[in-house]
Protein backbone atom coordinates (compact mmCIF):
# COMPACT_ATOMS: atom_id res chain seq x y z
CA MET A 1 14.78 -53.68 -36.10
CA THR A 2 13.68 -49.86 -36.76
CA SER A 3 10.32 -50.73 -34.92
CA VAL A 4 11.92 -52.10 -32.14
CA PHE A 5 14.32 -48.90 -31.84
CA ALA A 6 11.12 -46.56 -32.41
CA LYS A 7 9.53 -48.57 -29.53
CA LEU A 8 12.81 -47.97 -27.63
CA THR A 9 13.28 -44.30 -28.04
CA LEU A 10 9.50 -43.41 -27.67
CA SER A 11 9.91 -45.45 -24.31
CA GLY A 12 12.85 -43.35 -23.32
CA LEU A 13 11.39 -40.47 -24.05
CA LEU A 14 8.42 -41.25 -22.24
CA LEU A 15 10.81 -42.26 -19.31
CA ALA A 16 12.57 -39.21 -19.35
CA MET A 17 9.54 -37.07 -19.57
CA CYS A 18 7.99 -38.90 -16.38
CA LEU A 19 11.17 -38.10 -14.32
CA VAL A 20 11.67 -34.36 -14.97
CA SER A 21 7.84 -33.54 -14.44
CA ALA A 22 8.56 -35.76 -11.10
CA ALA A 23 11.58 -33.27 -10.17
CA VAL A 24 9.82 -30.19 -11.16
CA TYR A 25 6.61 -31.25 -9.17
CA ALA A 26 9.28 -31.63 -6.40
CA HIS A 27 10.86 -28.92 -6.73
CA ASP A 28 7.50 -26.57 -6.80
CA ASP A 29 6.54 -28.64 -3.77
CA ASP A 30 9.70 -27.94 -2.21
CA ASP A 31 8.54 -24.02 -2.88
CA ASP A 32 5.57 -24.48 -1.24
CA ASP A 33 7.14 -25.65 1.85
CA ASP A 34 9.27 -23.03 1.68
CA GLU A 35 6.44 -20.43 1.56
CA GLN A 36 4.78 -21.89 4.24
CA ARG A 37 7.95 -21.76 6.76
CA HIS A 38 8.45 -17.95 5.44
CA GLN A 39 4.88 -17.28 6.14
CA LYS A 40 5.07 -18.96 9.80
CA HIS A 41 8.22 -17.52 10.37
CA GLU A 42 6.60 -14.07 9.43
CA ARG A 43 3.66 -14.47 11.48
CA ARG A 44 6.28 -15.29 14.58
CA GLU A 45 7.93 -12.44 13.90
CA HIS A 46 5.15 -10.34 13.71
CA SER A 47 3.55 -11.49 17.10
CA GLN A 48 6.87 -10.78 18.45
CA ARG A 49 6.91 -6.90 16.89
CA GLU A 50 3.58 -6.53 18.28
CA ASN A 51 4.51 -7.77 21.60
CA ASP A 52 7.25 -5.41 21.87
CA ARG A 53 5.69 -2.82 20.32
CA HIS A 54 2.83 -2.72 22.40
CA SER A 55 4.53 -3.74 26.05
CA SER A 56 4.31 -2.06 29.21
CA ALA A 57 6.61 -4.36 30.73
CA SER A 58 9.48 -1.92 30.88
CA THR A 59 7.66 0.46 33.10
CA SER A 60 8.49 1.23 36.77
CA PRO A 61 7.01 -0.42 39.38
CA GLN A 62 6.11 3.16 40.81
CA LEU A 63 4.20 3.28 37.41
CA LYS A 64 2.57 0.68 37.61
CA GLU A 65 1.51 1.39 41.06
CA GLU A 66 0.43 4.72 40.60
CA CYS A 67 -1.20 4.45 37.41
CA GLY A 68 -2.33 0.74 37.29
CA SER A 69 -4.19 1.15 40.53
CA CYS A 70 -7.25 2.98 38.66
CA HIS A 71 -6.70 1.65 35.26
CA ILE A 72 -4.40 -0.76 33.11
CA VAL A 73 -0.74 0.79 32.59
CA TYR A 74 -0.43 1.67 28.96
CA PRO A 75 2.14 1.29 26.98
CA PRO A 76 3.97 4.27 26.91
CA ASN A 77 5.20 4.26 23.27
CA LEU A 78 1.31 4.57 22.07
CA LEU A 79 1.53 8.37 22.87
CA PRO A 80 4.39 11.19 21.80
CA ALA A 81 6.04 12.67 24.63
CA GLN A 82 4.33 15.85 23.89
CA SER A 83 0.55 13.94 24.91
CA TRP A 84 2.18 12.31 28.04
CA ARG A 85 3.54 15.76 29.08
CA ALA A 86 0.10 17.35 28.88
CA VAL A 87 -1.72 14.15 30.65
CA MET A 88 1.15 14.77 33.62
CA GLY A 89 0.68 18.25 33.58
CA ASN A 90 -3.18 18.46 34.57
CA LEU A 91 -3.41 15.37 36.60
CA ASN A 92 -5.65 16.96 39.26
CA LYS A 93 -8.31 16.54 36.17
CA HIS A 94 -7.21 13.53 34.84
CA PHE A 95 -10.13 12.75 32.66
CA GLY A 96 -12.82 13.38 35.46
CA THR A 97 -10.76 12.06 37.84
CA ASP A 98 -8.24 14.26 40.63
CA ALA A 99 -5.29 11.78 40.00
CA SER A 100 -2.75 14.44 41.70
CA LEU A 101 0.87 13.39 42.87
CA ASP A 102 3.55 14.90 44.91
CA ALA A 103 5.77 16.91 42.67
CA ALA A 104 8.74 14.48 42.93
CA THR A 105 6.26 11.53 41.73
CA GLN A 106 4.71 13.73 38.93
CA LYS A 107 8.33 14.47 37.67
CA GLN A 108 9.90 11.28 37.85
CA LEU A 109 6.71 9.32 35.90
CA SER A 110 5.98 12.12 33.99
CA ALA A 111 9.97 11.74 32.60
CA GLU A 112 9.48 8.01 32.18
CA LEU A 113 6.53 7.89 29.82
CA GLN A 114 8.08 10.59 27.58
CA ASN A 115 11.32 8.61 27.55
CA ALA A 116 9.27 5.81 26.63
CA ALA A 117 7.15 8.15 24.31
CA GLY A 118 6.44 6.83 20.58
CA GLY A 119 7.78 9.14 18.04
CA ARG A 120 4.82 10.68 16.18
CA SER A 121 2.95 13.67 16.82
CA ASP A 122 0.36 14.99 15.04
CA GLY A 123 1.66 18.32 14.80
CA GLY A 124 -0.50 20.94 16.90
CA ARG A 125 -2.51 20.30 19.85
CA PRO A 126 -1.23 17.24 21.63
CA VAL A 127 -3.70 14.05 21.31
CA LEU A 128 -4.83 12.78 25.27
CA ARG A 129 -6.61 9.80 24.45
CA ILE A 130 -4.57 6.61 22.84
CA THR A 131 -8.07 6.25 21.55
CA GLN A 132 -8.03 9.01 19.42
CA THR A 133 -4.66 8.31 17.69
CA ARG A 134 -4.28 7.77 14.40
CA TRP A 135 -2.83 4.54 15.16
CA PHE A 136 -5.56 3.51 17.40
CA GLN A 137 -8.36 4.40 15.00
CA HIS A 138 -6.58 2.24 12.39
CA GLU A 139 -6.13 -0.99 14.33
CA HIS A 140 -9.66 -0.77 15.77
CA ASP A 141 -11.55 0.17 12.44
CA GLU A 142 -13.20 -3.10 11.95
CA VAL A 143 -14.77 -3.03 15.64
CA SER A 144 -17.91 -2.02 14.92
CA ASN A 145 -20.08 0.37 17.10
CA ARG A 146 -22.30 -2.41 18.62
CA THR A 147 -19.06 -3.99 20.14
CA TRP A 148 -17.90 -0.57 21.47
CA ARG A 149 -21.27 -0.31 23.33
CA ASN A 150 -21.37 -4.08 24.60
CA PRO A 151 -22.03 -3.51 28.40
CA LYS A 152 -18.95 -6.12 28.48
CA VAL A 153 -16.70 -3.92 26.87
CA LYS A 154 -18.09 -0.40 27.69
CA SER A 155 -15.73 1.76 25.91
CA ALA A 156 -12.44 1.70 24.11
CA SER A 157 -10.31 2.60 26.59
CA ASN A 158 -11.24 -0.73 28.41
CA CYS A 159 -8.10 -2.70 26.84
CA GLY A 160 -8.84 -5.62 28.89
CA ALA A 161 -12.48 -6.51 27.32
CA CYS A 162 -10.65 -7.73 24.51
CA HIS A 163 -7.05 -7.90 24.96
CA SER A 164 -6.90 -11.22 27.24
CA TYR A 165 -3.39 -9.65 28.31
CA ALA A 166 -3.57 -6.11 28.50
CA ALA A 167 -3.25 -6.17 32.12
CA GLN A 168 0.12 -7.55 31.88
CA GLY A 169 0.98 -4.91 28.93
CA LYS A 170 0.35 -7.29 25.93
CA PHE A 171 -1.70 -6.44 23.12
CA ASN A 172 -0.99 -9.50 20.75
CA GLU A 173 -3.35 -9.42 17.83
CA HIS A 174 -3.65 -13.01 18.28
CA ASP A 175 -4.50 -12.96 21.96
CA ILE A 176 -7.96 -11.21 21.31
CA HIS A 177 -11.29 -12.40 22.64
CA ILE A 178 -14.26 -9.86 21.45
CA PRO A 179 -17.37 -10.57 24.13
CA ARG A 180 -20.36 -11.40 22.63
């Protein structure tokens, strides 16, 4: 009788261990699902933050018309107000081109750019090129010199060469296609 009882107890113990193991495994699996959902949510949230951060969709039609006639409309928040003030104050020598505007238009667009400007300034002299900001250099530090010299890219200021939706003011890192 003792051996029957021992077998039943051993069988019960093994069954209990199997059930506990299955429950722990199922719980771990749920944790993995939660982690995957969290990562997917974080990617979606990050993408939206990137779109919001680099979007020029809030710019006025006049800014799009005046600036966009020569180059993409760079998101105003990529330069601090001090930099936009300097850029707009020297339009007769705008990176080698005379981009002069009438006084009223220049004042309006300058105010719009400064109001939507980014908050960081490097202190001293204003940074006039987005490509010279610490942020830009950090974001593009993995881009090789060979890529910048590629005839399809031409220069770091040619955002549309790699950012598929640059003309729409969208610079999401998931929409990058580097030309070969």
